[in-house]
C-alpha atoms as a PDB file:
ATOM      1  CA  MET A   1     -16.053  -6.310   5.945  1.00  0.00           C
ATOM      2  CA  TRP A   2     -12.532  -5.489   4.734  1.00  0.00           C
ATOM      3  CA  PHE A   3     -11.397  -2.871   2.217  1.00  0.00           C
ATOM      4  CA  ALA A   4      -8.216  -3.292   0.159  1.00  0.00           C
ATOM      5  CA  ASP A   5      -6.185  -1.302  -2.341  1.00  0.00           C
ATOM      6  CA  GLU A   6      -2.610  -0.615  -3.372  1.00  0.00           C
ATOM      7  CA  ALA A   7      -0.616   2.527  -4.000  1.00  0.00           C
ATOM      8  CA  ARG A   8       2.667   3.257  -5.736  1.00  0.00           C
ATOM      9  CA  ILE A   9       5.239   5.239  -3.811  1.00  0.00           C
ATOM     10  CA  GLY A  10       8.668   6.153  -4.951  1.00  0.00           C
ATOM     11  CA  GLN A  11      11.119   8.668  -6.228  1.00  0.00           C
ATOM     12  CA  LYS A  12       8.688  10.306  -8.642  1.00  0.00           C
ATOM     13  CA  ASN A  13       6.102  11.565  -6.159  1.00  0.00           C
ATOM     14  CA  LYS A  14       3.534  14.235  -6.781  1.00  0.00           C
ATOM     15  CA  ILE A  15       3.807  17.688  -5.288  1.00  0.00           C
ATOM     16  CA  THR A  16       1.154  18.481  -2.697  1.00  0.00           C
ATOM     17  CA  ARG A  17      -0.131  21.741  -1.280  1.00  0.00           C
ATOM     18  CA  ARG A  18       1.823  23.347   1.559  1.00  0.00           C
ATOM     19  CA  TRP A  19       1.060  26.093   4.019  1.00  0.00           C
ATOM     20  CA  ALA A  20       3.376  29.062   3.657  1.00  0.00           C
ATOM     21  CA  LYS A  21       3.609  32.679   4.645  1.00  0.00           C
ATOM     22  CA  ARG A  22       1.888  34.959   2.132  1.00  0.00           C
ATOM     23  CA  GLY A  23       4.312  36.132  -0.536  1.00  0.00           C
ATOM     24  CA  THR A  24       6.786  33.245  -0.067  1.00  0.00           C
ATOM     25  CA  ARG A  25       7.355  30.145  -2.156  1.00  0.00           C
ATOM     26  CA  PRO A  26       8.092  27.045  -0.078  1.00  0.00           C
ATOM     27  CA  SER A  27      10.436  24.494  -1.609  1.00  0.00           C
ATOM     28  CA  ALA A  28       8.871  21.330  -2.949  1.00  0.00           C
ATOM     29  CA  PRO A  29      11.543  18.926  -4.171  1.00  0.00           C
ATOM     30  CA  ARG A  30      10.623  16.671  -7.069  1.00  0.00           C
ATOM     31  CA  ASP A  31      12.717  13.761  -8.246  1.00  0.00           C
ATOM     32  CA  GLN A  32      12.598  12.635 -11.883  1.00  0.00           C
ATOM     33  CA  ARG A  33      13.979   9.140 -11.228  1.00  0.00           C
ATOM     34  CA  THR A  34      11.441   6.338 -11.281  1.00  0.00           C
ATOM     35  CA  ALA A  35      12.309   3.671  -8.678  1.00  0.00           C
ATOM     36  CA  SER A  36       9.171   2.770  -6.756  1.00  0.00           C
ATOM     37  CA  ALA A  37       7.520   0.257  -4.474  1.00  0.00           C
ATOM     38  CA  TYR A  38       3.890  -0.653  -3.963  1.00  0.00           C
ATOM     39  CA  LEU A  39       2.009  -0.491  -0.691  1.00  0.00           C
ATOM     40  CA  PHE A  40      -0.694  -3.136  -0.473  1.00  0.00           C
ATOM     41  CA  GLY A  41      -3.086  -2.367   2.367  1.00  0.00           C
ATOM     42  CA  ALA A  42      -6.344  -3.657   3.754  1.00  0.00           C
ATOM     43  CA  ILE A  43      -8.401  -2.482   6.711  1.00  0.00           C
ATOM     44  CA  CYS A  44     -11.352  -3.707   8.707  1.00  0.00           C
ATOM     45  CA  PRO A  45     -12.783  -0.578  10.366  1.00  0.00           C
ATOM     46  CA  ARG A  46     -15.192  -2.534  12.570  1.00  0.00           C
ATOM     47  CA  GLU A  47     -12.488  -4.718  14.113  1.00  0.00           C
ATOM     48  CA  GLY A  48      -9.782  -2.052  13.972  1.00  0.00           C
ATOM     49  CA  LYS A  49      -7.459  -4.425  12.108  1.00  0.00           C
ATOM     50  CA  GLY A  50      -5.227  -3.969   9.121  1.00  0.00           C
ATOM     51  CA  ALA A  51      -2.830  -5.914   6.946  1.00  0.00           C
ATOM     52  CA  ALA A  52      -0.163  -4.451   4.695  1.00  0.00           C
ATOM     53  CA  LEU A  53       2.811  -5.394   2.552  1.00  0.00           C
ATOM     54  CA  VAL A  54       5.411  -3.376   0.661  1.00  0.00           C
ATOM     55  CA  LEU A  55       6.283  -5.122  -2.606  1.00  0.00           C
ATOM     56  CA  PRO A  56       8.421  -4.309  -5.662  1.00  0.00           C
ATOM     57  CA  ARG A  57       5.649  -4.999  -8.190  1.00  0.00           C
ATOM     58  CA  CYS A  58       1.900  -4.740  -8.494  1.00  0.00           C
ATOM     59  CA  ASN A  59       0.621  -7.902 -10.179  1.00  0.00           C
ATOM     60  CA  THR A  60      -1.311 -11.116  -9.552  1.00  0.00           C
ATOM     61  CA  ALA A  61       1.561 -12.751  -7.639  1.00  0.00           C
ATOM     62  CA  ALA A  62       1.768  -9.733  -5.317  1.00  0.00           C
ATOM     63  CA  MET A  63      -2.009  -9.792  -4.861  1.00  0.00           C
ATOM     64  CA  ASN A  64      -1.826 -13.468  -3.876  1.00  0.00           C
ATOM     65  CA  LEU A  65       0.672 -12.564  -1.148  1.00  0.00           C
ATOM     66  CA  HIS A  66      -1.590  -9.754   0.014  1.00  0.00           C
ATOM     67  CA  LEU A  67      -4.638 -12.046   0.167  1.00  0.00           C
ATOM     68  CA  ALA A  68      -2.651 -14.517   2.283  1.00  0.00           C
ATOM     69  CA  GLU A  69      -1.643 -11.663   4.639  1.00  0.00           C
ATOM     70  CA  ILE A  70      -5.273 -10.528   4.979  1.00  0.00           C
ATOM     71  CA  ALA A  71      -6.451 -14.103   5.582  1.00  0.00           C
ATOM     72  CA  GLN A  72      -4.046 -14.353   8.541  1.00  0.00           C
ATOM     73  CA  ALA A  73      -5.506 -11.168  10.047  1.00  0.00           C
ATOM     74  CA  VAL A  74      -9.109 -12.388   9.873  1.00  0.00           C
ATOM     75  CA  ALA A  75     -10.286 -13.789  13.213  1.00  0.00           C
ATOM     76  CA  PRO A  76     -10.183 -17.604  13.461  1.00  0.00           C
ATOM     77  CA  GLY A  77     -13.488 -19.101  12.378  1.00  0.00           C
ATOM     78  CA  ALA A  78     -14.641 -15.823  10.767  1.00  0.00           C
ATOM     79  CA  HIS A  79     -15.238 -15.115   7.086  1.00  0.00           C
ATOM     80  CA  ALA A  80     -14.315 -11.751   5.542  1.00  0.00           C
ATOM     81  CA  VAL A  81     -15.788  -9.985   2.539  1.00  0.00           C
ATOM     82  CA  LEU A  82     -13.025  -7.994   0.830  1.00  0.00           C
ATOM     83  CA  LEU A  83     -14.132  -4.954  -1.186  1.00  0.00           C
ATOM     84  CA  LEU A  84     -11.669  -3.872  -3.849  1.00  0.00           C
ATOM     85  CA  ASP A  85     -11.575  -2.068  -7.169  1.00  0.00           C
ATOM     86  CA  GLN A  86     -11.633  -3.860 -10.508  1.00  0.00           C
ATOM     87  CA  ALA A  87      -7.905  -3.806 -11.269  1.00  0.00           C
ATOM     88  CA  GLY A  88      -6.801  -6.678 -13.489  1.00  0.00           C
ATOM     89  CA  TRP A  89      -4.831  -8.398 -10.715  1.00  0.00           C
ATOM     90  CA  HIS A  90      -7.907  -8.262  -8.433  1.00  0.00           C
ATOM     91  CA  LEU A  91     -10.043 -10.187 -10.926  1.00  0.00           C
ATOM     92  CA  SER A  92      -7.451 -12.567 -12.359  1.00  0.00           C
ATOM     93  CA  ASP A  93      -8.272 -16.263 -12.750  1.00  0.00           C
ATOM     94  CA  LYS A  94      -4.815 -16.969 -11.291  1.00  0.00           C
ATOM     95  CA  LEU A  95      -5.696 -15.540  -7.859  1.00  0.00           C
ATOM     96  CA  ARG A  96      -5.541 -17.992  -4.976  1.00  0.00           C
ATOM     97  CA  VAL A  97      -8.325 -16.716  -2.725  1.00  0.00           C
ATOM     98  CA  PRO A  98      -8.057 -18.164   0.807  1.00  0.00           C
ATOM     99  CA  PRO A  99     -11.176 -20.016   2.014  1.00  0.00           C
ATOM    100  CA  ASN A 100     -11.938 -17.396   4.692  1.00  0.00           C
ATOM    101  CA  LEU A 101     -12.163 -14.543   2.128  1.00  0.00           C
ATOM    102  CA  THR A 102     -14.719 -13.557  -0.485  1.00  0.00           C
ATOM    103  CA  LEU A 103     -13.777 -10.900  -3.033  1.00  0.00           C
ATOM    104  CA  LEU A 104     -16.423  -8.303  -3.867  1.00  0.00           C
ATOM    105  CA  PRO A 105     -15.457  -5.870  -6.651  1.00  0.00           C
ATOM    106  CA  LEU A 106     -16.672  -2.278  -6.369  1.00  0.00           C
ATOM    107  CA  PRO A 107     -18.440  -0.673  -9.337  1.00  0.00           C
ATOM    108  CA  PRO A 108     -16.063   0.852 -11.915  1.00  0.00           C
ATOM    109  CA  LYS A 109     -14.790   4.402 -11.381  1.00  0.00           C
ATOM    110  CA  CYS A 110     -15.936   4.584  -7.739  1.00  0.00           C
ATOM    111  CA  PRO A 111     -12.778   5.112  -5.651  1.00  0.00           C
ATOM    112  CA  ALA A 112     -14.791   7.168  -3.138  1.00  0.00           C
ATOM    113  CA  LEU A 113     -16.459   3.931  -1.983  1.00  0.00           C
ATOM    114  CA  ASN A 114     -13.151   2.526  -0.749  1.00  0.00           C
ATOM    115  CA  PRO A 115     -11.895   4.056   2.541  1.00  0.00           C
ATOM    116  CA  VAL A 116      -8.351   2.811   1.859  1.00  0.00           C
ATOM    117  CA  GLU A 117      -8.106   5.590  -0.744  1.00  0.00           C
ATOM    118  CA  ASN A 118      -8.300   8.047   2.171  1.00  0.00           C
ATOM    119  CA  LEU A 119      -5.452   6.227   3.877  1.00  0.00           C
ATOM    120  CA  TRP A 120      -3.237   6.600   0.790  1.00  0.00           C
ATOM    121  CA  GLN A 121      -4.069  10.296   0.557  1.00  0.00           C
ATOM    122  CA  PHE A 122      -3.196  10.783   4.226  1.00  0.00           C
ATOM    123  CA  LEU A 123       0.141   8.989   3.821  1.00  0.00           C
ATOM    124  CA  ARG A 124       1.018  11.004   0.731  1.00  0.00           C
ATOM    125  CA  ASP A 125       0.063  14.304   2.342  1.00  0.00           C
ATOM    126  CA  ASN A 126       1.955  13.636   5.572  1.00  0.00           C
ATOM    127  CA  TRP A 127       4.944  11.387   4.804  1.00  0.00           C
ATOM    128  CA  LEU A 128       5.452  10.524   1.155  1.00  0.00           C
ATOM    129  CA  SER A 129       5.072  13.659  -0.993  1.00  0.00           C
ATOM    130  CA  ASN A 130       7.483  16.564  -1.421  1.00  0.00           C
ATOM    131  CA  ARG A 131      10.412  14.228  -0.762  1.00  0.00           C
ATOM    132  CA  VAL A 132      13.393  12.989  -2.673  1.00  0.00           C
ATOM    133  CA  PHE A 133      14.227   9.378  -1.856  1.00  0.00           C
ATOM    134  CA  PRO A 134      17.942   8.745  -2.497  1.00  0.00           C
ATOM    135  CA  SER A 135      17.478   5.019  -3.164  1.00  0.00           C
ATOM    136  CA  TYR A 136      15.018   2.164  -3.367  1.00  0.00           C
ATOM    137  CA  ARG A 137      16.074   1.176   0.171  1.00  0.00           C
ATOM    138  CA  ALA A 138      15.035   4.632   1.437  1.00  0.00           C
ATOM    139  CA  ILE A 139      11.605   4.153  -0.146  1.00  0.00           C
ATOM    140  CA  LEU A 140      11.209   0.822   1.668  1.00  0.00           C
ATOM    141  CA  ASP A 141      12.459   2.271   4.948  1.00  0.00           C
ATOM    142  CA  THR A 142       9.954   5.143   4.766  1.00  0.00           C
ATOM    143  CA  ALA A 143       7.088   2.850   3.787  1.00  0.00           C
ATOM    144  CA  THR A 144       7.799   0.472   6.671  1.00  0.00           C
ATOM    145  CA  MET A 145       8.333   3.111   9.364  1.00  0.00           C
ATOM    146  CA  PRO A 146       6.183   2.479  12.440  1.00  0.00           C
ATOM    147  CA  GLY A 147       3.231   4.825  12.411  1.00  0.00           C
ATOM    148  CA  THR A 148       3.058   5.230   8.626  1.00  0.00           C
ATOM    149  CA  SER A 149       1.121   2.063   7.877  1.00  0.00           C
ATOM    150  CA  SER A 150      -0.734  -0.663   9.681  1.00  0.00           C
ATOM    151  CA  SER A 151      -0.142  -4.354  10.021  1.00  0.00           C
ATOM    152  CA  THR A 152      -1.880  -7.242  11.681  1.00  0.00           C
ATOM    153  CA  SER A 153      -0.467  -6.296  15.055  1.00  0.00           C
ATOM    154  CA  PRO A 154      -1.204  -2.854  16.505  1.00  0.00           C
ATOM    155  CA  GLY A 155       1.792  -0.538  16.549  1.00  0.00           C
ATOM    156  CA  GLY A 156       3.790  -2.646  14.115  1.00  0.00           C
ATOM    157  CA  SER A 157       4.943  -1.706  10.673  1.00  0.00           C
ATOM    158  CA  CYS A 158       4.122  -3.401   7.420  1.00  0.00           C
ATOM    159  CA  ARG A 159       6.560  -5.921   6.026  1.00  0.00           C
ATOM    160  CA  SER A 160       8.735  -4.982   3.079  1.00  0.00           C
ATOM    161  CA  ALA A 161       9.661  -7.065   0.073  1.00  0.00           C
ATOM    162  CA  SER A 162      13.252  -7.283   1.256  1.00  0.00           C
ATOM    163  CA  ALA A 163      12.151  -8.462   4.700  1.00  0.00           C
ATOM    164  CA  ILE A 164      10.206 -11.395   3.243  1.00  0.00           C
ATOM    165  CA  GLY A 165      12.722 -12.230   0.492  1.00  0.00           C
ATOM    166  CA  LEU A 166      10.782 -11.025  -2.541  1.00  0.00           C
ATOM    167  CA  MET A 167      13.331  -8.708  -4.133  1.00  0.00           C
ATOM    168  CA  ASP A 168      14.887  -9.989  -7.332  1.00  0.00           C
ATOM    169  CA  ALA A 169      18.259  -8.961  -8.778  1.00  0.00           C
ATOM    170  CA  ASN A 170      16.782  -5.960 -10.623  1.00  0.00           C
ATOM    171  CA  GLN A 171      15.327  -4.560  -7.423  1.00  0.00           C
ATOM    172  CA  GLN A 172      18.443  -5.320  -5.383  1.00  0.00           C
ATOM    173  CA  ASP A 173      20.483  -3.187  -7.809  1.00  0.00           C
ATOM    174  CA  LEU A 174      18.368  -0.212  -6.803  1.00  0.00           C
ATOM    175  CA  VAL A 175      19.151  -0.609  -3.105  1.00  0.00           C
END
């Protein structure tokens, strides 16, 4: 049983709560620029495995890449059921679902049923919020830092769009 979801990270992050001494106001920088990347992540809690990609867009083509990444992480000879929300790119007729995966959409408006939502919240609370990223490259570097996301090999970092050659000219201009 695998759980998958994606999250947008970037220059326009939300402000999160912070601990501070009573009577003080801690700084919480907020950037109004809008460059962003998308973290695609999937976990299998039972096996302790994960698969993740950092991509410039969130669409059917990106989802196809993510499904291929998950399929590689599934044990040889095993079949995985992948629970995901009902986003348009998760249900598209253009998805190429690998033979060792079966997609199972969650009921609408039930993000609490997907444990990957907790992962995104943890990452935002601990590494991604209350930050100003100077460039698109800085967003990718933060998203692919070891220890901030999982990949198919323990201790590794997820692969970025630039690392696998998926950045087009518009995205390269942001770097």
